[in-house]
Amino acid sequence: MNSRDRFLETMRYGAVDRVPYFEEGIRSDVLLAWRRQGLKGKSDFERRFRHDQREEIHPDLEPLPRLHHWPSSVAELERLRRRLNPEDARRLPRKWPSLAHGWHRREHVVMLHVHRGLFLSMGVEGWGRFIEVIEILGCQPALIQEAMLIQGEFAARLAERVLRDVQVDAALFSEPIAENRGSLISPRMYAEIVLPSYDPVLAVLARHGVEAIIFISWANPRRLLPAIIERGFNCLWAYEANSQAMDYRDLRREFGRDLRLIGGIDLDVLRQDKDAIRREVEEKVPPLLADGGYIPMLDGRVRADVPFENYVFYKRLLEKLIGPSGAA
């Protein structure tokens, strides 16, 4: 099987020769640190650890030109709407026709980023704007609701534009909306104000046969999961997760096959000893693999403080459970 087949069949709970090996990419500072620990270089890393290829399409989802002052009333939202033009040529990656044509006969996975979630869509880039948005949610929820509907219609039309040219294997909704203690807004507020704005995007994805609708989150959004599953999301990819609240074994028991899973291996254990790594991998991965619909990955990008010896140990454990990592 090639990488694309493996991914699609895993998401369908189908039969695969093995599940995909996905990697977030090893940063140059990590490779430099590991060279002092025995790695010969990037080519040595690629020879030792082959992965299933995966590409992501990142359309520009920001207002163009950028907003310096966000609308403070419903009457001002037309300014936001004008700057969210899905037909703007700058929205798609450079040399888009050539890129799209090259993907028609691909054997690897291509994923499309379709939305940036509540806070990024509302211009939150720092603490000050975050406080403003939280206050607006409390005092003017209709403003946030209408702004998110505008963002949703724009994202749907932009996704339609991409999907006319290329069939993607998964859609990615990024939703940084939680801390370790839980979600930053209530499940009711999220269901009433935010989720309806995603319906136009979900409808476009359904029309184009995109099967894997992936909710990307951080920390602990567990209280939001029932609502996102009910809305039509069918896969969770959790980063830097609260390892107790977001234990994938518990999530599988609660949500069953309604929720496919990517990730779930605590990156922090790679900073500990080999016994901790073995426990994390051998206790979590086998039951999830047996259930299907699961792609094991670390829940964060490897940093330079992870010893190379520990990373090698982790990868070899995965190979014992999954199979050799020679990828298409």
C-alpha atoms as a PDB file:
ATOM      1  CA  MET A   1       0.000   0.000   0.000  1.00  0.00           C
ATOM      2  CA  ASN A   2       1.105   3.569  -0.526  1.00  0.00           C
ATOM      3  CA  SER A   3       0.920   6.335   2.076  1.00  0.00           C
ATOM      4  CA  ARG A   4      -2.414   7.673   0.856  1.00  0.00           C
ATOM      5  CA  ASP A   5      -4.052   4.246   0.874  1.00  0.00           C
ATOM      6  CA  ARG A   6      -2.821   3.617   4.413  1.00  0.00           C
ATOM      7  CA  PHE A   7      -4.242   6.867   5.690  1.00  0.00           C
ATOM      8  CA  LEU A   8      -7.626   6.568   3.996  1.00  0.00           C
ATOM      9  CA  GLU A   9      -8.136   2.955   5.026  1.00  0.00           C
ATOM     10  CA  THR A  10      -7.064   3.668   8.592  1.00  0.00           C
ATOM     11  CA  MET A  11      -9.642   6.453   8.782  1.00  0.00           C
ATOM     12  CA  ARG A  12     -12.246   4.023   7.376  1.00  0.00           C
ATOM     13  CA  TYR A  13     -11.353   1.319   9.919  1.00  0.00           C
ATOM     14  CA  GLY A  14     -10.281  -0.757   6.943  1.00  0.00           C
ATOM     15  CA  ALA A  15      -7.525  -3.319   6.442  1.00  0.00           C
ATOM     16  CA  VAL A  16      -3.991  -1.925   6.096  1.00  0.00           C
ATOM     17  CA  ASP A  17      -0.500  -3.402   5.844  1.00  0.00           C
ATOM     18  CA  ARG A  18       0.317  -0.995   8.699  1.00  0.00           C
ATOM     19  CA  VAL A  19      -0.903   2.390   9.892  1.00  0.00           C
ATOM     20  CA  PRO A  20       0.959   5.463   8.588  1.00  0.00           C
ATOM     21  CA  TYR A  21       4.141   6.747  10.170  1.00  0.00           C
ATOM     22  CA  PHE A  22       3.643  10.507  10.357  1.00  0.00           C
ATOM     23  CA  GLU A  23       6.249  12.929  11.714  1.00  0.00           C
ATOM     24  CA  GLU A  24       5.867  16.641  12.452  1.00  0.00           C
ATOM     25  CA  GLY A  25       9.340  17.301  11.111  1.00  0.00           C
ATOM     26  CA  ILE A  26      12.559  17.569  13.071  1.00  0.00           C
ATOM     27  CA  ARG A  27      13.775  21.125  13.526  1.00  0.00           C
ATOM     28  CA  SER A  28      17.306  22.147  12.588  1.00  0.00           C
ATOM     29  CA  ASP A  29      18.216  22.980  16.202  1.00  0.00           C
ATOM     30  CA  VAL A  30      17.180  19.445  17.238  1.00  0.00           C
ATOM     31  CA  LEU A  31      19.284  17.880  14.491  1.00  0.00           C
ATOM     32  CA  LEU A  32      22.225  20.033  15.591  1.00  0.00           C
ATOM     33  CA  ALA A  33      21.852  18.876  19.206  1.00  0.00           C
ATOM     34  CA  TRP A  34      21.572  15.254  18.086  1.00  0.00           C
ATOM     35  CA  ARG A  35      24.729  15.499  15.978  1.00  0.00           C
ATOM     36  CA  ARG A  36      26.581  15.937  19.240  1.00  0.00           C
ATOM     37  CA  GLN A  37      24.911  12.724  20.423  1.00  0.00           C
ATOM     38  CA  GLY A  38      25.788  10.443  17.518  1.00  0.00           C
ATOM     39  CA  LEU A  39      23.564  11.465  14.595  1.00  0.00           C
ATOM     40  CA  LYS A  40      25.649  12.098  11.479  1.00  0.00           C
ATOM     41  CA  GLY A  41      23.263  14.604   9.937  1.00  0.00           C
ATOM     42  CA  LYS A  42      19.877  15.095   8.279  1.00  0.00           C
ATOM     43  CA  SER A  43      20.512  12.409   5.667  1.00  0.00           C
ATOM     44  CA  ASP A  44      21.404   9.967   8.440  1.00  0.00           C
ATOM     45  CA  PHE A  45      18.111  10.789  10.189  1.00  0.00           C
ATOM     46  CA  GLU A  46      16.118  10.271   6.975  1.00  0.00           C
ATOM     47  CA  ARG A  47      17.873   6.960   6.349  1.00  0.00           C
ATOM     48  CA  ARG A  48      17.179   5.675   9.850  1.00  0.00           C
ATOM     49  CA  PHE A  49      13.587   6.885  10.133  1.00  0.00           C
ATOM     50  CA  ARG A  50      11.505   6.884   6.995  1.00  0.00           C
ATOM     51  CA  HIS A  51       7.996   8.294   7.218  1.00  0.00           C
ATOM     52  CA  ASP A  52       4.845   8.306   5.149  1.00  0.00           C
ATOM     53  CA  GLN A  53       4.781  11.524   3.170  1.00  0.00           C
ATOM     54  CA  ARG A  54       2.161  14.101   4.068  1.00  0.00           C
ATOM     55  CA  GLU A  55       1.561  17.584   2.674  1.00  0.00           C
ATOM     56  CA  GLU A  56      -0.662  20.346   3.981  1.00  0.00           C
ATOM     57  CA  ILE A  57      -2.310  23.106   1.961  1.00  0.00           C
ATOM     58  CA  HIS A  58      -2.375  26.418   3.848  1.00  0.00           C
ATOM     59  CA  PRO A  59      -4.622  28.982   2.139  1.00  0.00           C
ATOM     60  CA  ASP A  60      -4.372  32.483   3.553  1.00  0.00           C
ATOM     61  CA  LEU A  61      -7.368  32.739   5.899  1.00  0.00           C
ATOM     62  CA  GLU A  62      -6.505  36.216   7.218  1.00  0.00           C
ATOM     63  CA  PRO A  63      -8.339  39.406   6.231  1.00  0.00           C
ATOM     64  CA  LEU A  64      -6.573  41.017   3.263  1.00  0.00           C
ATOM     65  CA  PRO A  65      -5.354  43.634   3.806  1.00  0.00           C
ATOM     66  CA  ARG A  66      -4.844  42.917   7.492  1.00  0.00           C
ATOM     67  CA  LEU A  67      -7.133  44.600   9.999  1.00  0.00           C
ATOM     68  CA  HIS A  68      -5.443  47.009  12.407  1.00  0.00           C
ATOM     69  CA  HIS A  69      -8.686  47.612  14.315  1.00  0.00           C
ATOM     70  CA  TRP A  70     -11.267  44.850  14.585  1.00  0.00           C
ATOM     71  CA  PRO A  71     -14.978  45.707  14.288  1.00  0.00           C
ATOM     72  CA  SER A  72     -16.489  46.643  17.638  1.00  0.00           C
ATOM     73  CA  SER A  73     -20.141  46.491  16.556  1.00  0.00           C
ATOM     74  CA  VAL A  74     -22.318  44.476  14.197  1.00  0.00           C
ATOM     75  CA  ALA A  75     -22.637  47.576  11.978  1.00  0.00           C
ATOM     76  CA  GLU A  76     -18.867  47.555  11.400  1.00  0.00           C
ATOM     77  CA  LEU A  77     -18.672  43.923  10.249  1.00  0.00           C
ATOM     78  CA  GLU A  78     -19.015  44.859   6.570  1.00  0.00           C
ATOM     79  CA  ARG A  79     -15.401  45.995   6.751  1.00  0.00           C
ATOM     80  CA  LEU A  80     -14.401  42.458   7.782  1.00  0.00           C
ATOM     81  CA  ARG A  81     -16.538  40.911   5.036  1.00  0.00           C
ATOM     82  CA  ARG A  82     -14.885  43.023   2.326  1.00  0.00           C
ATOM     83  CA  ARG A  83     -11.450  41.846   3.395  1.00  0.00           C
ATOM     84  CA  LEU A  84     -12.407  38.173   3.298  1.00  0.00           C
ATOM     85  CA  ASN A  85     -12.555  37.718  -0.454  1.00  0.00           C
ATOM     86  CA  PRO A  86     -12.053  34.017  -1.311  1.00  0.00           C
ATOM     87  CA  GLU A  87     -11.300  34.847  -4.957  1.00  0.00           C
ATOM     88  CA  ASP A  88      -8.260  36.965  -4.088  1.00  0.00           C
ATOM     89  CA  ALA A  89      -5.316  35.440  -5.987  1.00  0.00           C
ATOM     90  CA  ARG A  90      -3.100  35.801  -2.914  1.00  0.00           C
ATOM     91  CA  ARG A  91      -5.151  33.270  -0.964  1.00  0.00           C
ATOM     92  CA  LEU A  92      -3.675  30.160  -2.586  1.00  0.00           C
ATOM     93  CA  PRO A  93      -0.037  28.993  -2.570  1.00  0.00           C
ATOM     94  CA  ARG A  94       2.248  30.236  -5.330  1.00  0.00           C
ATOM     95  CA  LYS A  95       2.132  28.309  -8.619  1.00  0.00           C
ATOM     96  CA  TRP A  96      -1.212  26.869  -7.574  1.00  0.00           C
ATOM     97  CA  PRO A  97      -2.253  25.394 -10.969  1.00  0.00           C
ATOM     98  CA  SER A  98       1.020  23.476 -11.189  1.00  0.00           C
ATOM     99  CA  LEU A  99       0.757  22.270  -7.591  1.00  0.00           C
ATOM    100  CA  ALA A 100      -2.830  21.123  -8.016  1.00  0.00           C
ATOM    101  CA  HIS A 101      -2.050  19.306 -11.257  1.00  0.00           C
ATOM    102  CA  GLY A 102       0.880  17.513  -9.639  1.00  0.00           C
ATOM    103  CA  TRP A 103      -1.360  16.122  -6.891  1.00  0.00           C
ATOM    104  CA  HIS A 104      -3.763  14.379  -9.267  1.00  0.00           C
ATOM    105  CA  ARG A 105      -1.745  11.160  -9.383  1.00  0.00           C
ATOM    106  CA  ARG A 106      -0.083  11.358  -6.004  1.00  0.00           C
ATOM    107  CA  GLU A 107       0.498   8.427  -3.689  1.00  0.00           C
ATOM    108  CA  HIS A 108       0.843  10.475  -0.505  1.00  0.00           C
ATOM    109  CA  VAL A 109      -1.565  12.285   1.812  1.00  0.00           C
ATOM    110  CA  VAL A 110      -2.672  15.884   1.200  1.00  0.00           C
ATOM    111  CA  MET A 111      -4.573  17.736   3.920  1.00  0.00           C
ATOM    112  CA  LEU A 112      -6.335  21.101   3.627  1.00  0.00           C
ATOM    113  CA  HIS A 113      -6.443  23.686   6.406  1.00  0.00           C
ATOM    114  CA  VAL A 114      -9.957  25.089   6.230  1.00  0.00           C
ATOM    115  CA  HIS A 115     -10.401  27.104   9.440  1.00  0.00           C
ATOM    116  CA  ARG A 116      -8.355  28.698  12.243  1.00  0.00           C
ATOM    117  CA  GLY A 117     -10.989  28.476  14.971  1.00  0.00           C
ATOM    118  CA  LEU A 118     -12.670  31.062  17.162  1.00  0.00           C
ATOM    119  CA  PHE A 119      -9.837  33.044  18.691  1.00  0.00           C
ATOM    120  CA  LEU A 120      -7.512  33.306  15.688  1.00  0.00           C
ATOM    121  CA  SER A 121     -10.485  34.183  13.455  1.00  0.00           C
ATOM    122  CA  MET A 122     -11.258  37.018  15.863  1.00  0.00           C
ATOM    123  CA  GLY A 123      -7.727  38.403  15.648  1.00  0.00           C
ATOM    124  CA  VAL A 124      -6.324  37.074  18.911  1.00  0.00           C
ATOM    125  CA  GLU A 125      -2.544  37.245  18.678  1.00  0.00           C
ATOM    126  CA  GLY A 126      -1.794  38.294  22.237  1.00  0.00           C
ATOM    127  CA  TRP A 127      -3.215  38.661  25.717  1.00  0.00           C
ATOM    128  CA  GLY A 128      -4.813  42.070  25.147  1.00  0.00           C
ATOM    129  CA  ARG A 129      -6.967  40.994  22.221  1.00  0.00           C
ATOM    130  CA  PHE A 130      -7.831  37.742  24.016  1.00  0.00           C
ATOM    131  CA  ILE A 131      -9.268  39.726  26.936  1.00  0.00           C
ATOM    132  CA  GLU A 132     -11.245  41.892  24.484  1.00  0.00           C
ATOM    133  CA  VAL A 133     -12.783  38.851  22.782  1.00  0.00           C
ATOM    134  CA  ILE A 134     -13.718  37.256  26.105  1.00  0.00           C
ATOM    135  CA  GLU A 135     -15.406  40.507  27.162  1.00  0.00           C
ATOM    136  CA  ILE A 136     -17.282  40.722  23.848  1.00  0.00           C
ATOM    137  CA  LEU A 137     -18.436  37.129  24.248  1.00  0.00           C
ATOM    138  CA  GLY A 138     -19.952  38.118  27.579  1.00  0.00           C
ATOM    139  CA  CYS A 139     -21.411  41.491  26.567  1.00  0.00           C
ATOM    140  CA  GLN A 140     -22.042  41.256  22.807  1.00  0.00           C
ATOM    141  CA  PRO A 141     -22.267  37.579  21.839  1.00  0.00           C
ATOM    142  CA  ALA A 142     -24.207  38.517  18.700  1.00  0.00           C
ATOM    143  CA  LEU A 143     -21.143  40.374  17.410  1.00  0.00           C
ATOM    144  CA  ILE A 144     -18.952  37.291  17.748  1.00  0.00           C
ATOM    145  CA  GLN A 145     -21.654  35.066  16.294  1.00  0.00           C
ATOM    146  CA  GLU A 146     -22.099  37.243  13.213  1.00  0.00           C
ATOM    147  CA  ALA A 147     -18.343  37.674  12.725  1.00  0.00           C
ATOM    148  CA  MET A 148     -17.875  33.892  12.883  1.00  0.00           C
ATOM    149  CA  LEU A 149     -20.689  33.367  10.346  1.00  0.00           C
ATOM    150  CA  ILE A 150     -18.869  35.737   7.978  1.00  0.00           C
ATOM    151  CA  GLN A 151     -15.642  33.811   8.546  1.00  0.00           C
ATOM    152  CA  GLY A 152     -17.448  30.502   7.973  1.00  0.00           C
ATOM    153  CA  GLU A 153     -18.991  31.558   4.654  1.00  0.00           C
ATOM    154  CA  PHE A 154     -15.611  32.849   3.509  1.00  0.00           C
ATOM    155  CA  ALA A 155     -13.819  29.633   4.562  1.00  0.00           C
ATOM    156  CA  ALA A 156     -16.441  27.541   2.769  1.00  0.00           C
ATOM    157  CA  ARG A 157     -16.048  29.435  -0.506  1.00  0.00           C
ATOM    158  CA  LEU A 158     -12.257  29.258  -0.257  1.00  0.00           C
ATOM    159  CA  ALA A 159     -12.401  25.508   0.411  1.00  0.00           C
ATOM    160  CA  GLU A 160     -14.708  25.134  -2.591  1.00  0.00           C
ATOM    161  CA  ARG A 161     -12.139  26.933  -4.706  1.00  0.00           C
ATOM    162  CA  VAL A 162      -9.388  24.539  -3.608  1.00  0.00           C
ATOM    163  CA  LEU A 163     -11.514  21.419  -3.947  1.00  0.00           C
ATOM    164  CA  ARG A 164     -12.472  22.267  -7.512  1.00  0.00           C
ATOM    165  CA  ASP A 165      -8.819  21.685  -8.378  1.00  0.00           C
ATOM    166  CA  VAL A 166      -7.687  18.876  -6.067  1.00  0.00           C
ATOM    167  CA  GLN A 167      -9.259  16.075  -4.038  1.00  0.00           C
ATOM    168  CA  VAL A 168      -7.777  16.258  -0.560  1.00  0.00           C
ATOM    169  CA  ASP A 169      -7.625  13.399   1.922  1.00  0.00           C
ATOM    170  CA  ALA A 170      -8.522  15.335   5.067  1.00  0.00           C
ATOM    171  CA  ALA A 171      -9.707  18.733   6.253  1.00  0.00           C
ATOM    172  CA  LEU A 172      -8.022  20.394   9.234  1.00  0.00           C
ATOM    173  CA  PHE A 173      -9.909  22.693  11.615  1.00  0.00           C
ATOM    174  CA  SER A 174      -7.453  24.318  14.026  1.00  0.00           C
ATOM    175  CA  GLU A 175      -9.116  25.255  17.323  1.00  0.00           C
ATOM    176  CA  PRO A 176      -6.769  26.596  20.046  1.00  0.00           C
ATOM    177  CA  ILE A 177      -9.500  27.072  22.608  1.00  0.00           C
ATOM    178  CA  ALA A 178      -8.369  25.348  25.790  1.00  0.00           C
ATOM    179  CA  GLU A 179      -5.852  25.289  28.596  1.00  0.00           C
ATOM    180  CA  ASN A 180      -4.883  22.319  30.758  1.00  0.00           C
ATOM    181  CA  ARG A 181      -7.834  22.887  33.111  1.00  0.00           C
ATOM    182  CA  GLY A 182     -10.390  22.885  30.297  1.00  0.00           C
ATOM    183  CA  SER A 183     -11.947  24.915  27.493  1.00  0.00           C
ATOM    184  CA  LEU A 184     -11.765  28.714  27.628  1.00  0.00           C
ATOM    185  CA  ILE A 185     -15.478  29.076  26.914  1.00  0.00           C
ATOM    186  CA  SER A 186     -18.373  26.886  27.991  1.00  0.00           C
ATOM    187  CA  PRO A 187     -19.608  23.992  25.839  1.00  0.00           C
ATOM    188  CA  ARG A 188     -22.988  25.718  25.550  1.00  0.00           C
ATOM    189  CA  MET A 189     -21.467  28.980  24.312  1.00  0.00           C
ATOM    190  CA  TYR A 190     -19.250  27.068  21.892  1.00  0.00           C
ATOM    191  CA  ALA A 191     -22.210  25.073  20.535  1.00  0.00           C
ATOM    192  CA  GLU A 192     -24.442  28.133  20.166  1.00  0.00           C
ATOM    193  CA  ILE A 193     -22.003  30.794  18.956  1.00  0.00           C
ATOM    194  CA  VAL A 194     -19.113  29.037  17.212  1.00  0.00           C
ATOM    195  CA  LEU A 195     -20.148  25.684  15.789  1.00  0.00           C
ATOM    196  CA  PRO A 196     -22.997  26.944  13.543  1.00  0.00           C
ATOM    197  CA  SER A 197     -20.436  29.006  11.626  1.00  0.00           C
ATOM    198  CA  TYR A 198     -18.630  25.811  10.614  1.00  0.00           C
ATOM    199  CA  ASP A 199     -21.693  24.324   8.906  1.00  0.00           C
ATOM    200  CA  PRO A 200     -21.037  25.922   5.478  1.00  0.00           C
ATOM    201  CA  VAL A 201     -17.495  24.518   5.475  1.00  0.00           C
ATOM    202  CA  LEU A 202     -18.676  21.064   6.543  1.00  0.00           C
ATOM    203  CA  ALA A 203     -21.279  21.117   3.762  1.00  0.00           C
ATOM    204  CA  VAL A 204     -18.640  21.893   1.120  1.00  0.00           C
ATOM    205  CA  LEU A 205     -16.399  19.106   2.424  1.00  0.00           C
ATOM    206  CA  ALA A 206     -19.296  16.650   2.283  1.00  0.00           C
ATOM    207  CA  ARG A 207     -20.147  17.622  -1.305  1.00  0.00           C
ATOM    208  CA  HIS A 208     -16.553  16.970  -2.343  1.00  0.00           C
ATOM    209  CA  GLY A 209     -16.293  13.638  -0.554  1.00  0.00           C
ATOM    210  CA  VAL A 210     -13.724  14.650   2.060  1.00  0.00           C
ATOM    211  CA  GLU A 211     -14.117  11.886   4.617  1.00  0.00           C
ATOM    212  CA  ALA A 212     -11.660  12.785   7.407  1.00  0.00           C
ATOM    213  CA  ILE A 213     -12.750  15.968   9.222  1.00  0.00           C
ATOM    214  CA  ILE A 214      -9.999  16.577  11.772  1.00  0.00           C
ATOM    215  CA  PHE A 215     -10.382  18.753  14.863  1.00  0.00           C
ATOM    216  CA  ILE A 216      -6.909  19.970  15.882  1.00  0.00           C
ATOM    217  CA  SER A 217      -6.688  21.134  19.464  1.00  0.00           C
ATOM    218  CA  TRP A 218      -4.298  21.832  22.312  1.00  0.00           C
ATOM    219  CA  ALA A 219      -4.302  21.173  26.075  1.00  0.00           C
ATOM    220  CA  ASN A 220      -7.743  20.038  27.289  1.00  0.00           C
ATOM    221  CA  PRO A 221     -10.817  20.660  25.111  1.00  0.00           C
ATOM    222  CA  ARG A 222     -12.522  17.482  26.343  1.00  0.00           C
ATOM    223  CA  ARG A 223     -15.806  19.136  27.355  1.00  0.00           C
ATOM    224  CA  LEU A 224     -16.255  20.336  23.758  1.00  0.00           C
ATOM    225  CA  LEU A 225     -15.849  16.932  22.115  1.00  0.00           C
ATOM    226  CA  PRO A 226     -19.486  15.745  22.298  1.00  0.00           C
ATOM    227  CA  ALA A 227     -20.647  18.865  20.465  1.00  0.00           C
ATOM    228  CA  ILE A 228     -17.980  18.701  17.772  1.00  0.00           C
ATOM    229  CA  ILE A 229     -18.737  15.036  17.073  1.00  0.00           C
ATOM    230  CA  GLU A 230     -22.450  15.778  16.852  1.00  0.00           C
ATOM    231  CA  ARG A 231     -21.657  18.560  14.369  1.00  0.00           C
ATOM    232  CA  GLY A 232     -19.827  16.240  11.980  1.00  0.00           C
ATOM    233  CA  PHE A 233     -16.176  16.143  13.026  1.00  0.00           C
ATOM    234  CA  ASN A 234     -14.895  12.570  13.097  1.00  0.00           C
ATOM    235  CA  CYS A 235     -11.210  12.760  14.032  1.00  0.00           C
ATOM    236  CA  LEU A 236      -9.225  14.345  16.870  1.00  0.00           C
ATOM    237  CA  TRP A 237      -5.595  15.418  16.667  1.00  0.00           C
ATOM    238  CA  ALA A 238      -4.589  16.760  20.079  1.00  0.00           C
ATOM    239  CA  TYR A 239      -1.309  18.618  20.669  1.00  0.00           C
ATOM    240  CA  GLU A 240       0.443  19.246  23.979  1.00  0.00           C
ATOM    241  CA  ALA A 241      -2.536  17.638  25.631  1.00  0.00           C
ATOM    242  CA  ASN A 242      -3.368  17.246  29.288  1.00  0.00           C
ATOM    243  CA  SER A 243      -2.241  13.622  29.490  1.00  0.00           C
ATOM    244  CA  GLN A 244      -4.898  12.627  32.017  1.00  0.00           C
ATOM    245  CA  ALA A 245      -7.962  14.462  30.746  1.00  0.00           C
ATOM    246  CA  MET A 246      -7.151  13.675  27.108  1.00  0.00           C
ATOM    247  CA  ASP A 247      -5.989  10.068  27.455  1.00  0.00           C
ATOM    248  CA  TYR A 248      -6.882   8.527  24.097  1.00  0.00           C
ATOM    249  CA  ARG A 249      -7.827   5.205  25.682  1.00  0.00           C
ATOM    250  CA  ASP A 250     -10.531   6.959  27.714  1.00  0.00           C
ATOM    251  CA  LEU A 251     -11.695   8.919  24.675  1.00  0.00           C
ATOM    252  CA  ARG A 252     -12.037   5.729  22.660  1.00  0.00           C
ATOM    253  CA  ARG A 253     -14.061   4.106  25.424  1.00  0.00           C
ATOM    254  CA  GLU A 254     -16.353   7.146  25.606  1.00  0.00           C
ATOM    255  CA  PHE A 255     -16.800   7.962  21.926  1.00  0.00           C
ATOM    256  CA  GLY A 256     -16.046   4.641  20.230  1.00  0.00           C
ATOM    257  CA  ARG A 257     -15.678   4.630  16.459  1.00  0.00           C
ATOM    258  CA  ASP A 258     -17.314   8.027  16.098  1.00  0.00           C
ATOM    259  CA  LEU A 259     -13.926   9.591  16.837  1.00  0.00           C
ATOM    260  CA  ARG A 260     -10.795   8.601  14.953  1.00  0.00           C
ATOM    261  CA  LEU A 261      -7.570   9.567  16.684  1.00  0.00           C
ATOM    262  CA  ILE A 262      -4.162  10.912  15.628  1.00  0.00           C
ATOM    263  CA  GLY A 263      -1.350  11.425  18.149  1.00  0.00           C
ATOM    264  CA  GLY A 264      -1.900  10.671  21.806  1.00  0.00           C
ATOM    265  CA  ILE A 265       1.673   9.794  22.870  1.00  0.00           C
ATOM    266  CA  ASP A 266       2.942  12.153  25.559  1.00  0.00           C
ATOM    267  CA  LEU A 267       6.049  13.950  24.280  1.00  0.00           C
ATOM    268  CA  ASP A 268       7.176  14.623  27.841  1.00  0.00           C
ATOM    269  CA  VAL A 269       8.052  10.956  28.430  1.00  0.00           C
ATOM    270  CA  LEU A 270      10.859  11.266  25.866  1.00  0.00           C
ATOM    271  CA  ARG A 271      12.564  13.569  28.359  1.00  0.00           C
ATOM    272  CA  GLN A 272      12.416  10.827  31.004  1.00  0.00           C
ATOM    273  CA  ASP A 273      13.940   7.336  31.074  1.00  0.00           C
ATOM    274  CA  LYS A 274      13.371   4.323  28.851  1.00  0.00           C
ATOM    275  CA  ASP A 275      11.058   2.633  31.327  1.00  0.00           C
ATOM    276  CA  ALA A 276       8.721   5.643  31.150  1.00  0.00           C
ATOM    277  CA  ILE A 277       8.848   5.606  27.346  1.00  0.00           C
ATOM    278  CA  ARG A 278       8.117   1.886  27.250  1.00  0.00           C
ATOM    279  CA  ARG A 279       5.116   2.246  29.579  1.00  0.00           C
ATOM    280  CA  GLU A 280       3.675   5.123  27.575  1.00  0.00           C
ATOM    281  CA  VAL A 281       3.984   3.369  24.222  1.00  0.00           C
ATOM    282  CA  GLU A 282       3.187  -0.212  25.187  1.00  0.00           C
ATOM    283  CA  GLU A 283       0.200   0.651  27.369  1.00  0.00           C
ATOM    284  CA  LYS A 284      -1.448   3.091  24.950  1.00  0.00           C
ATOM    285  CA  VAL A 285      -0.637   2.084  21.403  1.00  0.00           C
ATOM    286  CA  PRO A 286      -1.579  -1.631  21.152  1.00  0.00           C
ATOM    287  CA  PRO A 287      -5.225  -1.314  22.341  1.00  0.00           C
ATOM    288  CA  LEU A 288      -5.799   1.718  20.121  1.00  0.00           C
ATOM    289  CA  LEU A 289      -4.277  -0.023  17.101  1.00  0.00           C
ATOM    290  CA  ALA A 290      -6.448  -3.058  17.780  1.00  0.00           C
ATOM    291  CA  ASP A 291      -9.584  -0.888  17.713  1.00  0.00           C
ATOM    292  CA  GLY A 292      -8.554   0.767  14.437  1.00  0.00           C
ATOM    293  CA  GLY A 293      -8.985   4.357  13.295  1.00  0.00           C
ATOM    294  CA  TYR A 294      -5.797   5.390  15.071  1.00  0.00           C
ATOM    295  CA  ILE A 295      -2.461   6.824  13.914  1.00  0.00           C
ATOM    296  CA  PRO A 296       0.136   6.945  16.729  1.00  0.00           C
ATOM    297  CA  MET A 297       2.221  10.107  17.013  1.00  0.00           C
ATOM    298  CA  LEU A 298       3.817  12.240  19.683  1.00  0.00           C
ATOM    299  CA  ASP A 299       1.504  15.004  20.896  1.00  0.00           C
ATOM    300  CA  GLY A 300       4.006  17.721  20.070  1.00  0.00           C
ATOM    301  CA  ARG A 301       7.036  18.560  18.000  1.00  0.00           C
ATOM    302  CA  VAL A 302      10.322  17.179  19.315  1.00  0.00           C
ATOM    303  CA  ARG A 303      12.545  19.783  20.997  1.00  0.00           C
ATOM    304  CA  ALA A 304      16.315  19.853  21.454  1.00  0.00           C
ATOM    305  CA  ASP A 305      16.063  18.749  25.094  1.00  0.00           C
ATOM    306  CA  VAL A 306      14.882  15.278  23.987  1.00  0.00           C
ATOM    307  CA  PRO A 307      17.923  12.961  23.996  1.00  0.00           C
ATOM    308  CA  PHE A 308      18.590  11.305  20.656  1.00  0.00           C
ATOM    309  CA  GLU A 309      18.951   7.943  22.387  1.00  0.00           C
ATOM    310  CA  ASN A 310      15.442   8.278  23.778  1.00  0.00           C
ATOM    311  CA  TYR A 311      13.996   9.218  20.398  1.00  0.00           C
ATOM    312  CA  VAL A 312      15.633   6.165  18.796  1.00  0.00           C
ATOM    313  CA  PHE A 313      14.263   3.946  21.566  1.00  0.00           C
ATOM    314  CA  TYR A 314      10.754   5.371  21.056  1.00  0.00           C
ATOM    315  CA  LYS A 315      10.857   4.863  17.276  1.00  0.00           C
ATOM    316  CA  ARG A 316      12.076   1.275  17.581  1.00  0.00           C
ATOM    317  CA  LEU A 317       9.251   0.504  20.025  1.00  0.00           C
ATOM    318  CA  LEU A 318       6.744   1.819  17.504  1.00  0.00           C
ATOM    319  CA  GLU A 319       8.267  -0.304  14.765  1.00  0.00           C
ATOM    320  CA  LYS A 320       7.833  -3.418  16.895  1.00  0.00           C
ATOM    321  CA  LEU A 321       4.153  -2.627  17.316  1.00  0.00           C
ATOM    322  CA  ILE A 322       3.364  -1.293  13.855  1.00  0.00           C
ATOM    323  CA  GLY A 323       5.909  -2.772  11.483  1.00  0.00           C
ATOM    324  CA  PRO A 324       8.984  -1.487   9.600  1.00  0.00           C
ATOM    325  CA  SER A 325       8.863   2.188   8.691  1.00  0.00           C
ATOM    326  CA  GLY A 326       9.931   1.906   5.068  1.00  0.00           C
ATOM    327  CA  ALA A 327       7.361   4.259   3.512  1.00  0.00           C
ATOM    328  CA  ALA A 328       6.078   4.827   0.018  1.00  0.00           C
END
